[in-house]
Protein backbone atom coordinates (compact mmCIF):
# COMPACT_ATOMS: atom_id res chain seq x y z
CA UNK A 1 101.26 -14.35 -92.62
CA UNK A 2 102.60 -11.44 -90.65
CA UNK A 3 100.27 -10.08 -88.06
CA UNK A 4 99.37 -6.37 -88.31
CA UNK A 5 99.46 -4.51 -84.99
CA UNK A 6 96.33 -2.48 -84.37
CA UNK A 7 97.06 1.20 -84.05
CA UNK A 8 94.49 3.78 -82.88
CA UNK A 9 94.99 5.80 -86.04
CA UNK A 10 93.41 3.03 -88.10
CA UNK A 11 90.05 4.38 -86.95
CA UNK A 12 90.84 7.66 -88.75
CA UNK A 13 90.46 5.99 -92.13
CA UNK A 14 87.07 6.89 -93.52
CA UNK A 15 85.76 7.45 -97.08
CA UNK A 16 87.39 10.89 -97.32
CA UNK A 17 90.80 9.57 -96.34
CA UNK A 18 90.48 6.66 -98.79
CA UNK A 19 89.51 9.12 -101.58
CA UNK A 20 92.47 11.51 -100.87
CA UNK A 21 94.87 8.50 -100.67
CA UNK A 22 93.56 7.14 -103.98
CA UNK A 23 94.14 10.59 -105.58
CA UNK A 24 97.69 10.77 -104.19
CA UNK A 25 98.50 7.23 -105.36
CA UNK A 26 97.27 7.99 -108.91
CA UNK A 27 99.20 11.28 -109.08
CA UNK A 28 102.61 10.38 -107.36
CA UNK A 29 102.55 6.56 -107.25
CA UNK A 30 102.93 6.59 -103.42
CA UNK A 31 101.27 8.01 -100.27
CA UNK A 32 104.28 9.78 -98.69
CA UNK A 33 103.07 13.21 -99.89
CA UNK A 34 99.77 13.13 -98.03
CA UNK A 35 100.79 11.44 -94.79
CA UNK A 36 100.99 14.68 -92.76
CA UNK A 37 97.82 16.04 -94.44
CA UNK A 38 95.86 12.93 -93.32
CA UNK A 39 97.29 12.84 -89.80
CA UNK A 40 99.73 9.91 -90.19
CA UNK A 41 103.40 9.96 -89.09
CA UNK A 42 104.72 7.83 -91.97
CA UNK A 43 103.85 6.24 -95.34
CA UNK A 44 103.98 2.85 -93.63
CA UNK A 45 101.46 3.81 -91.01
CA UNK A 46 99.07 5.12 -93.62
CA UNK A 47 99.48 2.16 -95.94
CA UNK A 48 98.91 -0.25 -93.00
CA UNK A 49 95.69 1.67 -92.10
CA UNK A 50 94.41 1.72 -95.68
CA UNK A 51 95.23 -1.99 -96.13
CA UNK A 52 93.26 -2.88 -92.94
CA UNK A 53 90.37 -0.71 -93.91
CA UNK A 54 90.17 -2.45 -97.31
CA UNK A 55 90.63 -5.93 -95.78
CA UNK A 56 94.10 -6.57 -97.27
CA UNK A 57 97.15 -8.19 -95.63
CA UNK A 58 100.16 -5.87 -95.03
CA UNK A 59 103.65 -7.43 -95.07
CA UNK A 60 107.17 -6.29 -94.40
CA UNK A 61 110.16 -7.41 -96.48
CA UNK A 62 112.11 -8.49 -93.38
CA UNK A 63 111.10 -12.11 -92.66
CA UNK A 64 108.91 -12.34 -95.70
CA UNK A 65 108.33 -15.95 -96.90
CA UNK A 66 107.43 -16.59 -100.50
CA UNK A 67 107.47 -19.47 -103.02
CA UNK A 68 110.33 -19.00 -105.55
CA UNK A 69 108.96 -21.75 -107.79
CA UNK A 70 105.79 -19.75 -108.36
CA UNK A 71 107.82 -17.19 -110.24
CA UNK A 72 108.68 -19.73 -113.00
CA UNK A 73 104.94 -20.01 -113.81
CA UNK A 74 104.30 -16.25 -113.63
CA UNK A 75 104.45 -13.91 -116.75
CA UNK A 76 107.39 -11.62 -115.98
CA UNK A 77 105.93 -8.82 -118.06
CA UNK A 78 103.09 -8.43 -115.53
CA UNK A 79 105.65 -7.87 -112.72
CA UNK A 80 107.26 -4.97 -114.54
CA UNK A 81 104.10 -3.54 -116.04
CA UNK A 82 102.03 -3.37 -112.82
CA UNK A 83 104.81 -3.39 -110.13
CA UNK A 84 103.64 -6.61 -108.50
CA UNK A 85 105.28 -9.82 -107.32
CA UNK A 86 103.76 -13.24 -106.74
CA UNK A 87 104.46 -14.35 -103.11
CA UNK A 88 102.82 -17.79 -102.75
CA UNK A 89 99.79 -19.83 -103.85
CA UNK A 90 97.15 -21.49 -101.75
CA UNK A 91 94.69 -23.77 -103.59
CA UNK A 92 93.42 -21.51 -106.45
CA UNK A 93 94.51 -18.19 -104.93
CA UNK A 94 97.76 -16.32 -105.63
CA UNK A 95 98.90 -13.84 -103.02
CA UNK A 96 100.22 -10.84 -104.96
CA UNK A 97 102.53 -8.15 -103.43
CA UNK A 98 101.66 -4.61 -104.55
CA UNK A 99 102.30 -1.14 -103.22
CA UNK A 100 99.04 0.22 -104.65
CA UNK A 101 95.96 -1.05 -102.86
CA UNK A 102 93.72 0.85 -105.34
CA UNK A 103 95.21 -0.80 -108.50
CA UNK A 104 92.26 -3.17 -109.42
CA UNK A 105 93.32 -3.09 -113.07
CA UNK A 106 96.66 -4.76 -112.23
CA UNK A 107 94.93 -7.38 -110.08
CA UNK A 108 92.39 -8.17 -112.73
CA UNK A 109 95.12 -8.44 -115.42
CA UNK A 110 97.09 -10.93 -113.33
CA UNK A 111 93.85 -12.92 -112.61
CA UNK A 112 93.03 -13.04 -116.30
CA UNK A 113 96.60 -14.05 -117.34
CA UNK A 114 97.06 -16.78 -114.74
CA UNK A 115 93.51 -18.05 -114.21
CA UNK A 116 93.88 -17.82 -110.44
CA UNK A 117 92.01 -15.68 -107.91
CA UNK A 118 94.28 -12.88 -106.67
CA UNK A 119 94.60 -11.71 -103.02
CA UNK A 120 96.62 -8.38 -102.79
CA UNK A 121 99.33 -8.15 -100.14
CA UNK A 122 100.29 -4.54 -99.46
CA UNK A 123 104.01 -3.63 -99.17
CA UNK A 124 105.92 -0.38 -99.04
CA UNK A 125 107.02 0.77 -102.56
CA UNK A 126 110.75 0.71 -101.72
CA UNK A 127 110.54 -2.72 -100.15
CA UNK A 128 108.63 -4.17 -103.07
CA UNK A 129 111.19 -2.65 -105.53
CA UNK A 130 113.95 -4.34 -103.48
CA UNK A 131 112.19 -7.69 -103.58
CA UNK A 132 111.71 -7.50 -107.40
CA UNK A 133 115.42 -6.57 -107.92
CA UNK A 134 116.59 -9.27 -105.55
CA UNK A 135 114.60 -12.00 -107.31
CA UNK A 136 114.78 -10.86 -110.93
CA UNK A 137 117.97 -8.98 -110.93
CA UNK A 138 119.18 -5.50 -111.90
CA UNK A 139 117.79 -4.37 -115.30
CA UNK A 140 115.40 -7.32 -115.65
CA UNK A 141 112.73 -5.20 -117.40
CA UNK A 142 115.30 -3.83 -119.90
CA UNK A 143 116.65 -7.33 -120.56
CA UNK A 144 113.11 -8.35 -121.43
CA UNK A 145 112.97 -5.54 -124.01
CA UNK A 146 116.27 -6.53 -125.53
CA UNK A 147 115.19 -10.16 -125.85
CA UNK A 148 111.99 -9.02 -127.57
CA UNK A 149 114.20 -7.07 -130.03
CA UNK A 150 116.47 -10.07 -130.51
CA UNK A 151 113.50 -12.37 -131.16
CA UNK A 152 112.35 -10.11 -133.97
CA UNK A 153 115.75 -10.47 -135.62
CA UNK A 154 116.04 -14.24 -134.98
CA UNK A 155 116.18 -15.04 -138.64
CA UNK A 156 119.27 -12.94 -139.30
CA UNK A 157 122.90 -13.94 -139.44
CA UNK A 158 124.81 -13.62 -136.05
CA UNK A 159 128.55 -13.31 -135.66
CA UNK A 160 130.02 -15.24 -132.73
CA UNK A 161 133.09 -14.07 -130.78
CA UNK A 162 135.90 -16.43 -129.89
CA UNK A 163 134.11 -17.59 -126.73
CA UNK A 164 130.93 -18.64 -128.46
CA UNK A 165 128.87 -15.58 -127.51
CA UNK A 166 127.33 -13.11 -129.90
CA UNK A 167 129.64 -10.40 -130.92
CA UNK A 168 128.22 -6.85 -130.74
CA UNK A 169 129.02 -4.15 -133.31
CA UNK A 170 129.78 -0.68 -131.97
CA UNK A 171 126.29 0.45 -133.11
CA UNK A 172 124.71 -2.07 -130.72
CA UNK A 173 125.93 -0.08 -127.67
CA UNK A 174 123.98 2.97 -128.90
CA UNK A 175 120.64 1.16 -128.76
CA UNK A 176 118.28 2.74 -126.26
CA UNK A 177 117.70 -0.46 -124.30
CA UNK A 178 121.44 -1.09 -123.81
CA UNK A 179 121.89 2.47 -122.72
CA UNK A 180 119.14 2.07 -120.23
CA UNK A 181 120.55 -1.18 -118.93
CA UNK A 182 123.95 0.31 -118.30
CA UNK A 183 122.33 3.35 -116.61
CA UNK A 184 120.33 0.99 -114.37
CA UNK A 185 123.50 -0.86 -113.30
CA UNK A 186 125.21 2.44 -112.45
CA UNK A 187 122.24 4.08 -110.79
CA UNK A 188 121.57 1.00 -108.60
CA UNK A 189 125.22 0.98 -107.44
CA UNK A 190 124.99 4.67 -106.53
CA UNK A 191 121.71 4.15 -104.73
CA UNK A 192 123.10 1.34 -102.52
CA UNK A 193 126.30 3.37 -101.72
CA UNK A 194 128.58 1.05 -103.56
CA UNK A 195 132.23 2.20 -103.91
CA UNK A 196 133.04 -0.16 -106.84
CA UNK A 197 131.16 -2.03 -109.60
CA UNK A 198 132.74 -5.24 -110.89
CA UNK A 199 131.55 -6.64 -114.25
CA UNK A 200 133.42 -9.98 -114.52
CA UNK A 201 133.55 -12.37 -117.48
CA UNK A 202 133.26 -15.88 -116.29
CA UNK A 203 133.05 -19.19 -118.00
CA UNK A 204 129.38 -19.43 -116.99
CA UNK A 205 128.58 -15.92 -118.10
CA UNK A 206 128.67 -12.30 -116.74
CA UNK A 207 128.78 -11.67 -113.09
CA UNK A 208 127.93 -8.25 -111.49
CA UNK A 209 129.26 -7.45 -107.99
CA UNK A 210 129.06 -4.26 -105.96
CA UNK A 211 131.50 -3.43 -103.21
CA UNK A 212 129.41 -1.96 -100.33
CA UNK A 213 131.13 -0.84 -97.12
CA UNK A 214 134.25 -2.65 -98.23
CA UNK A 215 132.60 -6.03 -98.83
CA UNK A 216 131.76 -7.50 -102.26
CA UNK A 217 128.09 -8.44 -102.85
CA UNK A 218 127.06 -10.43 -105.92
CA UNK A 219 124.04 -8.78 -107.59
CA UNK A 220 121.27 -10.95 -108.90
CA UNK A 221 120.96 -10.46 -112.69
CA UNK A 222 118.85 -12.24 -115.26
CA UNK A 223 120.84 -15.02 -116.98
CA UNK A 224 119.90 -13.50 -120.30
CA UNK A 225 122.24 -10.62 -119.57
CA UNK A 226 125.13 -12.73 -120.89
CA UNK A 227 123.88 -12.25 -124.48
CA UNK A 228 124.48 -8.54 -124.19
CA UNK A 229 127.87 -8.54 -122.48
CA UNK A 230 129.68 -7.24 -125.53
CA UNK A 231 127.17 -4.45 -126.00
CA UNK A 232 127.41 -3.39 -122.31
CA UNK A 233 131.24 -3.25 -122.57
CA UNK A 234 131.01 -1.20 -125.79
CA UNK A 235 128.58 1.17 -124.18
CA UNK A 236 130.82 1.69 -121.16
CA UNK A 237 133.78 2.26 -123.42
CA UNK A 238 131.86 4.99 -125.32
CA UNK A 239 130.89 6.67 -122.07
CA UNK A 240 134.51 6.59 -120.81
CA UNK A 241 135.80 7.82 -124.20
CA UNK A 242 137.85 4.66 -124.75
CA UNK A 243 138.62 2.78 -128.02
CA UNK A 244 135.73 0.29 -128.51
CA UNK A 245 137.69 -1.62 -131.17
CA UNK A 246 140.67 -2.33 -128.93
CA UNK A 247 140.11 -5.52 -126.90
CA UNK A 248 143.73 -6.71 -126.46
CA UNK A 249 145.25 -4.21 -123.98
CA UNK A 250 144.01 -2.61 -120.68
CA UNK A 251 142.31 0.77 -120.89
CA UNK A 252 141.50 3.37 -118.24
CA UNK A 253 138.96 6.12 -118.50
CA UNK A 254 136.55 8.27 -116.59
CA UNK A 255 132.81 8.93 -116.70
CA UNK A 256 130.98 11.88 -115.37
CA UNK A 257 127.44 11.27 -114.28
CA UNK A 258 124.67 13.53 -112.94
CA UNK A 259 122.17 11.87 -110.64
CA UNK A 260 119.84 13.31 -108.07
CA UNK A 261 121.04 16.85 -108.79
CA UNK A 262 124.67 16.01 -107.97
CA UNK A 263 127.69 15.06 -110.09
CA UNK A 264 129.38 11.66 -109.62
CA UNK A 265 132.75 10.67 -111.09
CA UNK A 266 133.30 7.01 -112.17
CA UNK A 267 136.76 5.71 -112.82
CA UNK A 268 136.79 2.92 -115.38
CA UNK A 269 139.38 0.22 -115.75
CA UNK A 270 139.04 -2.43 -118.47
CA UNK A 271 141.36 -5.50 -118.67
CA UNK A 272 141.25 -8.38 -121.22
CA UNK A 273 140.77 -11.71 -119.41
CA UNK A 274 140.30 -15.33 -120.34
CA UNK A 275 136.53 -15.18 -121.12
CA UNK A 276 136.30 -11.56 -122.21
CA UNK A 277 137.00 -8.08 -120.91
CA UNK A 278 136.58 -7.44 -117.19
CA UNK A 279 135.50 -4.04 -115.93
CA UNK A 280 135.91 -2.41 -112.61
CA UNK A 281 134.38 0.96 -111.92
CA UNK A 282 135.28 3.14 -108.91
CA UNK A 283 132.45 5.50 -107.85
CA UNK A 284 133.64 8.83 -106.49
CA UNK A 285 130.77 10.68 -104.93
CA UNK A 286 132.12 13.83 -103.30
CA UNK A 287 128.69 14.87 -101.88
CA UNK A 288 128.68 11.75 -99.75
CA UNK A 289 132.20 12.15 -98.55
CA UNK A 290 132.94 13.86 -95.17
CA UNK A 291 136.38 15.34 -95.37
CA UNK A 292 136.81 16.05 -91.62
CA UNK A 293 139.05 14.25 -89.11
CA UNK A 294 136.14 14.12 -86.70
CA UNK A 295 133.88 12.68 -89.32
CA UNK A 296 136.12 9.69 -90.14
CA UNK A 297 135.99 8.22 -86.69
CA UNK A 298 139.02 9.55 -84.84
CA UNK A 299 138.62 9.56 -81.06
CA UNK A 300 139.42 12.75 -79.23
CA UNK A 301 142.88 11.71 -78.03
CA UNK A 302 143.98 10.46 -81.47
CA UNK A 303 142.46 13.51 -83.11
CA UNK A 304 144.45 15.92 -80.74
CA UNK A 305 147.78 14.15 -81.40
CA UNK A 306 147.18 14.00 -85.12
CA UNK A 307 146.19 17.66 -85.20
CA UNK A 308 149.50 18.54 -83.59
CA UNK A 309 151.35 16.56 -86.24
CA UNK A 310 149.62 18.21 -89.23
CA UNK A 311 150.25 21.68 -87.64
CA UNK A 312 154.06 21.19 -87.66
CA UNK A 313 156.08 23.62 -89.83
CA UNK A 314 158.06 20.91 -91.51
CA UNK A 315 158.73 17.12 -91.61
CA UNK A 316 157.01 14.14 -93.09
CA UNK A 317 153.71 12.73 -91.88
CA UNK A 318 152.83 9.30 -93.31
CA UNK A 319 149.51 7.45 -93.55
CA UNK A 320 149.77 3.73 -94.08
CA UNK A 321 147.49 0.84 -94.85
CA UNK A 322 146.34 -1.45 -97.62
CA UNK A 323 144.46 -0.28 -100.67
CA UNK A 324 140.93 0.83 -99.82
CA UNK A 325 141.63 1.61 -96.14
CA UNK A 326 140.76 5.26 -96.44
CA UNK A 327 144.19 6.75 -96.57
CA UNK A 328 143.30 9.36 -99.17
CA UNK A 329 140.23 10.43 -97.27
CA UNK A 330 142.29 10.90 -94.12
CA UNK A 331 144.91 13.04 -95.98
CA UNK A 332 142.16 15.14 -97.67
CA UNK A 333 140.57 15.67 -94.30
CA UNK A 334 143.96 16.82 -92.83
CA UNK A 335 144.44 19.26 -95.74
CA UNK A 336 140.97 20.63 -95.23
CA UNK A 337 141.79 21.15 -91.56
CA UNK A 338 144.97 23.18 -92.17
CA UNK A 339 144.14 25.10 -95.36
CA UNK A 340 143.89 28.83 -95.16
CA UNK A 341 144.49 31.99 -97.21
CA UNK A 342 148.04 32.27 -95.92
CA UNK A 343 149.02 28.68 -96.71
CA UNK A 344 149.89 27.27 -100.09
CA UNK A 345 149.09 23.62 -100.51
CA UNK A 346 150.11 21.57 -103.57
CA UNK A 347 149.26 17.92 -104.16
CA UNK A 348 150.56 15.36 -106.75
CA UNK A 349 148.18 12.43 -107.12
CA UNK A 350 147.59 9.37 -109.29
CA UNK A 351 144.73 9.81 -109.89
CA UNK A 352 143.12 12.88 -108.45
CA UNK A 353 140.11 11.26 -106.74
CA UNK A 354 138.30 14.42 -105.53
CA UNK A 355 138.72 18.08 -106.47
CA UNK A 356 139.35 20.21 -103.34
CA UNK A 357 138.69 23.95 -103.28
CA UNK A 358 141.67 26.16 -102.30
CA UNK A 359 144.21 23.40 -102.99
CA UNK A 360 146.40 23.07 -106.08
CA UNK A 361 146.28 19.50 -107.48
CA UNK A 362 148.55 17.90 -109.98
CA UNK A 363 147.61 14.74 -111.94
CA UNK A 364 150.59 12.41 -112.39
CA UNK A 365 151.05 11.34 -116.06
CA UNK A 366 153.87 8.79 -116.18
CA UNK A 367 153.66 8.35 -120.00
CA UNK A 368 154.95 11.95 -120.59
CA UNK A 369 157.46 11.82 -117.72
CA UNK A 370 155.32 13.51 -115.04
CA UNK A 371 155.96 11.04 -112.25
CA UNK A 372 155.62 11.60 -108.43
CA UNK A 373 159.35 12.25 -108.27
CA UNK A 374 159.39 14.67 -111.20
CA UNK A 375 156.35 16.62 -110.09
CA UNK A 376 157.77 16.82 -106.59
CA UNK A 377 160.91 18.47 -107.93
CA UNK A 378 158.84 21.03 -109.84
CA UNK A 379 156.49 21.67 -106.89
CA UNK A 380 159.32 22.99 -104.80
CA UNK A 381 159.80 25.84 -107.29
CA UNK A 382 156.23 26.97 -106.62
CA UNK A 383 156.90 28.02 -103.05
CA UNK A 384 154.55 25.66 -101.22
CA UNK A 385 154.04 25.42 -97.50
CA UNK A 386 152.43 22.01 -97.52
CA UNK A 387 152.95 19.22 -100.09
CA UNK A 388 150.93 16.00 -100.45
CA UNK A 389 152.50 13.20 -102.49
CA UNK A 390 149.93 10.57 -103.33
CA UNK A 391 152.24 7.66 -102.62
CA UNK A 392 155.92 7.06 -101.94
CA UNK A 393 156.63 4.16 -104.35
CA UNK A 394 160.28 4.36 -105.14
CA UNK A 395 163.65 5.68 -103.93
CA UNK A 396 163.53 8.82 -106.11
CA UNK A 397 160.18 9.92 -104.70
CA UNK A 398 161.27 9.08 -101.13
CA UNK A 399 164.49 11.08 -101.46
CA UNK A 400 162.63 14.08 -102.89
CA UNK A 401 160.09 13.92 -100.09
CA UNK A 402 162.95 13.87 -97.50
CA UNK A 403 164.69 16.78 -99.33
CA UNK A 404 161.38 18.79 -99.22
CA UNK A 405 161.03 18.14 -95.51
CA UNK A 406 164.66 19.15 -94.79
CA UNK A 407 164.15 22.46 -96.68
CA UNK A 408 161.26 23.50 -94.44
CA UNK A 409 158.15 21.97 -95.96
CA UNK A 410 155.50 19.84 -94.40
CA UNK A 411 155.01 16.69 -96.54
CA UNK A 412 152.15 14.27 -96.35
CA UNK A 413 152.20 10.93 -98.16
CA UNK A 414 151.15 7.29 -98.01
CA UNK A 415 152.94 3.97 -97.79
CA UNK A 416 151.78 0.38 -97.97
CA UNK A 417 152.80 -1.18 -94.63
CA UNK A 418 150.93 -3.36 -92.15
CA UNK A 419 151.33 -1.12 -89.19
CA UNK A 420 152.73 2.31 -88.19
CA UNK A 421 156.13 1.12 -86.98
CA UNK A 422 156.85 -0.58 -90.30
CA UNK A 423 157.01 2.69 -92.19
CA UNK A 424 160.55 3.47 -91.02
CA UNK A 425 162.10 0.21 -92.21
CA UNK A 426 160.00 0.40 -95.43
CA UNK A 427 161.62 3.71 -96.37
CA UNK A 428 165.07 2.43 -95.37
CA UNK A 429 164.55 -0.67 -97.62
CA UNK A 430 163.81 1.68 -100.49
CA UNK A 431 167.27 3.03 -100.11
CA UNK A 432 166.88 6.19 -97.98
CA UNK A 433 169.60 6.65 -95.32
CA UNK A 434 168.27 5.59 -91.87
CA UNK A 435 169.36 8.80 -90.19
CA UNK A 436 167.44 10.86 -92.75
CA UNK A 437 164.29 8.75 -92.20
CA UNK A 438 164.52 9.02 -88.40
CA UNK A 439 165.12 12.80 -88.48
CA UNK A 440 162.37 13.69 -91.10
CA UNK A 441 159.44 11.39 -90.25
CA UNK A 442 157.44 13.16 -87.53
CA UNK A 443 154.60 10.70 -87.25
CA UNK A 444 152.92 7.67 -88.88
CA UNK A 445 149.19 6.95 -88.86
CA UNK A 446 148.14 3.36 -89.71
CA UNK A 447 144.48 2.78 -90.38
CA UNK A 448 141.86 0.30 -91.45
CA UNK A 449 138.07 0.60 -92.18
CA UNK A 450 135.46 -1.43 -90.30
CA UNK A 451 131.75 -1.54 -91.03
CA UNK A 452 129.53 0.33 -88.48
CA UNK A 453 126.52 -1.40 -86.94
CA UNK A 454 123.03 -0.33 -88.13
CA UNK A 455 121.53 1.73 -85.27
CA UNK A 456 118.04 0.61 -86.16
CA UNK A 457 118.56 -3.14 -85.63
CA UNK A 458 121.79 -3.85 -83.68
CA UNK A 459 121.29 -6.37 -80.90
CA UNK A 460 122.87 -6.07 -77.44
CA UNK A 461 124.25 -9.21 -75.76
CA UNK A 462 126.54 -10.13 -72.82
CA UNK A 463 129.61 -11.93 -74.20
CA UNK A 464 131.20 -15.00 -72.69
CA UNK A 465 134.90 -16.01 -72.89
CA UNK A 466 134.06 -18.29 -75.84
CA UNK A 467 132.66 -15.32 -77.84
CA UNK A 468 135.74 -13.18 -77.75
CA UNK A 469 139.48 -13.46 -78.73
CA UNK A 470 142.09 -13.79 -76.11
CA UNK A 471 143.30 -10.23 -76.39
CA UNK A 472 139.80 -8.66 -76.07
CA UNK A 473 139.37 -6.84 -72.68
CA UNK A 474 136.47 -8.92 -71.59
CA UNK A 475 136.96 -8.10 -67.86
CA UNK A 476 136.40 -4.38 -68.48
CA UNK A 477 133.38 -5.16 -70.58
CA UNK A 478 131.74 -7.39 -67.93
CA UNK A 479 132.58 -4.88 -65.19
CA UNK A 480 130.82 -2.12 -66.99
CA UNK A 481 127.70 -4.32 -67.40
CA UNK A 482 126.79 -2.77 -70.70
CA UNK A 483 127.62 -5.75 -72.96
CA UNK A 484 128.34 -5.62 -76.65
CA UNK A 485 126.32 -5.35 -79.86
CA UNK A 486 126.02 -7.63 -82.91
CA UNK A 487 124.55 -7.28 -86.39
CA UNK A 488 120.91 -8.23 -87.02
CA UNK A 489 119.53 -6.90 -90.23
CA UNK A 490 116.56 -4.72 -91.19
CA UNK A 491 115.16 -2.77 -94.07
CA UNK A 492 117.38 0.28 -93.29
CA UNK A 493 120.59 -1.65 -93.78
CA UNK A 494 119.16 -4.03 -96.48
CA UNK A 495 119.44 -6.94 -94.22
CA UNK A 496 123.25 -6.71 -93.65
CA UNK A 497 123.19 -5.44 -90.09
CA UNK A 498 125.76 -2.70 -91.05
CA UNK A 499 125.50 0.79 -92.50
CA UNK A 500 128.58 2.86 -93.31
CA UNK A 501 132.16 2.50 -92.27
CA UNK A 502 134.48 4.11 -89.72
CA UNK A 503 138.27 4.12 -89.28
CA UNK A 504 140.34 2.46 -86.62
CA UNK A 505 143.78 4.09 -86.08
CA UNK A 506 147.22 3.47 -84.79
CA UNK A 507 149.11 6.77 -84.37
CA UNK A 508 152.84 6.66 -83.78
CA UNK A 509 154.46 10.01 -82.73
CA UNK A 510 158.21 9.94 -83.31
CA UNK A 511 159.98 10.54 -79.99
CA UNK A 512 163.71 10.35 -79.18
CA UNK A 513 163.69 6.61 -78.50
CA UNK A 514 161.86 5.83 -81.75
CA UNK A 515 164.30 8.09 -83.78
CA UNK A 516 167.26 6.30 -82.23
CA UNK A 517 165.82 2.87 -82.98
CA UNK A 518 164.92 3.84 -86.54
CA UNK A 519 168.44 5.28 -87.18
CA UNK A 520 169.79 1.88 -86.00
CA UNK A 521 167.58 -0.05 -88.42
CA UNK A 522 165.91 -1.81 -85.50
CA UNK A 523 163.29 -4.43 -86.32
CA UNK A 524 159.75 -3.19 -86.65
CA UNK A 525 158.32 -4.99 -83.51
CA UNK A 526 160.93 -3.25 -81.23
CA UNK A 527 160.02 0.15 -82.69
CA UNK A 528 156.32 -0.67 -82.09
CA UNK A 529 157.09 -1.67 -78.46
CA UNK A 530 158.88 1.62 -77.85
CA UNK A 531 155.94 3.53 -79.37
CA UNK A 532 153.46 1.65 -77.10
CA UNK A 533 155.54 2.50 -74.04
CA UNK A 534 155.07 6.15 -75.06
CA UNK A 535 151.30 5.66 -75.25
CA UNK A 536 150.55 4.50 -78.75
CA UNK A 537 147.30 2.48 -79.05
CA UNK A 538 147.43 -0.24 -81.65
CA UNK A 539 144.94 -0.86 -84.48
CA UNK A 540 143.50 -3.92 -82.56
CA UNK A 541 143.20 -1.90 -79.33
CA UNK A 542 141.45 0.94 -81.11
CA UNK A 543 139.13 -1.58 -82.74
CA UNK A 544 138.26 -3.08 -79.32
CA UNK A 545 137.50 0.39 -78.05
CA UNK A 546 134.94 0.88 -80.83
CA UNK A 547 133.44 -2.56 -80.25
CA UNK A 548 132.84 -1.66 -76.59
CA UNK A 549 131.23 1.58 -77.71
CA UNK A 550 128.75 -0.30 -79.85
CA UNK A 551 130.08 1.17 -83.11
CA UNK A 552 131.11 -2.09 -84.69
CA UNK A 553 131.53 -5.79 -83.96
CA UNK A 554 134.26 -8.23 -82.97
CA UNK A 555 133.95 -9.90 -86.32
CA UNK A 556 134.73 -6.75 -88.19
CA UNK A 557 137.90 -6.00 -86.13
CA UNK A 558 139.06 -9.57 -86.67
CA UNK A 559 138.45 -9.19 -90.38
CA UNK A 560 140.93 -6.28 -90.79
CA UNK A 561 143.47 -6.72 -87.98
CA UNK A 562 145.67 -9.47 -86.55
CA UNK A 563 146.67 -10.05 -82.92
CA UNK A 564 149.92 -8.34 -81.96
């Protein structure tokens, strides 16, 4: 049992406060709306005070211990109906988590259904909801409704698919319960700031995973969800305007959602796999994006150098890195920085991830011949000042980008290379003449994304040589006496220890020595050494700088970079 610290404000809880709190709970389902009115600084403080006044235990989700076996004996419908969760049992008493200390009806219903005495344990509404989702899975209540409907039709004839599961007709996806289940999966992903949703067909059933801050997390789901896999896929196909009858070839679509007063785009990709169709949905939430170079984690010296590059009248500026490293965000931020009424900017992208005001954007459509190379040729006839090419994938696109730079345009684009110096040799390998590459490319920015430490729970420690890699500047760290930080985990970061991401950068400015080496097709490591002599900081070095500032951890930098 967690001890409840005594706070002077607890003495403020009298009959009038309890009455007002009961009214607020009945009207809004929580006490946050009356905290200020009753003289409390937060909902937690008020809920703690009410719990102590009524003689109830108050508990936090962090460090909570409960008996998972008790759930097997507990009627699940009671959990969803009354918003409660059985924590543990002692003799003939069940300790029941609830966020409503005034809900005697729910307590009595649980006591009548189970035959046990019930002792309420008060929790914050958000933390109780997280506990229920974590233990029962996303959409558990809706699954119960679907199972109830299925039980009513148990005597009917059921068609099985080739994998032994029940096949769903297109009408199934329009059932209200399936619609609600899909909406719950989507809204939960948006709420936890997921960038991707993975619905995977496995031999053992359907698996749901969310990519949060670049790391995949398996979401708990009721095992019964496997019975409705086909219906879920059909519903998503309808939402993305795809062919629900076609299950043999990949399909791509887009869903527009409105949640919390803002619009969210979802890119949908469906591919047939061994045990059924697999779905990946990319969530594009513009309102949560910060398209500014300062906002994506550039230090002042890197920011100053990159700002000079994007302010050049002509040439090619490249951003490199693996898929999902934030290249598009960096390029959009650069365009936002330089756009003005006297500058015409045209982009060609595949796909257009975000719509930017004041910038002309072209969606590549290879099936009708509108490729990067073809659109780039046409863009030049529209008298642009700045051109963004989503990606240089082939020789034709690379040559057109070089031609645009030679004719007085500033060209931004991306490449898939491991570091900044590798961009020169990559373009030469595509077939572009080395002297053209060396003369046109003005700078290359390589980047990765690392998770940032949660400011509410990060722990400071003094590292030892055994705690850090050989190339970490431990001497400077010990000399400063400030130590480093590591992840802990709390309610604000959902126990991960991290919240959000930030970029680490390697900016190569093309000087005379680099141009000479690139024209001579010099190996990448020699180009990198020349750039470092001129002041370039590597990805690893920039990562260590952010570790020392307490922004991220050594583990995160090791996850996305390798030693030079």
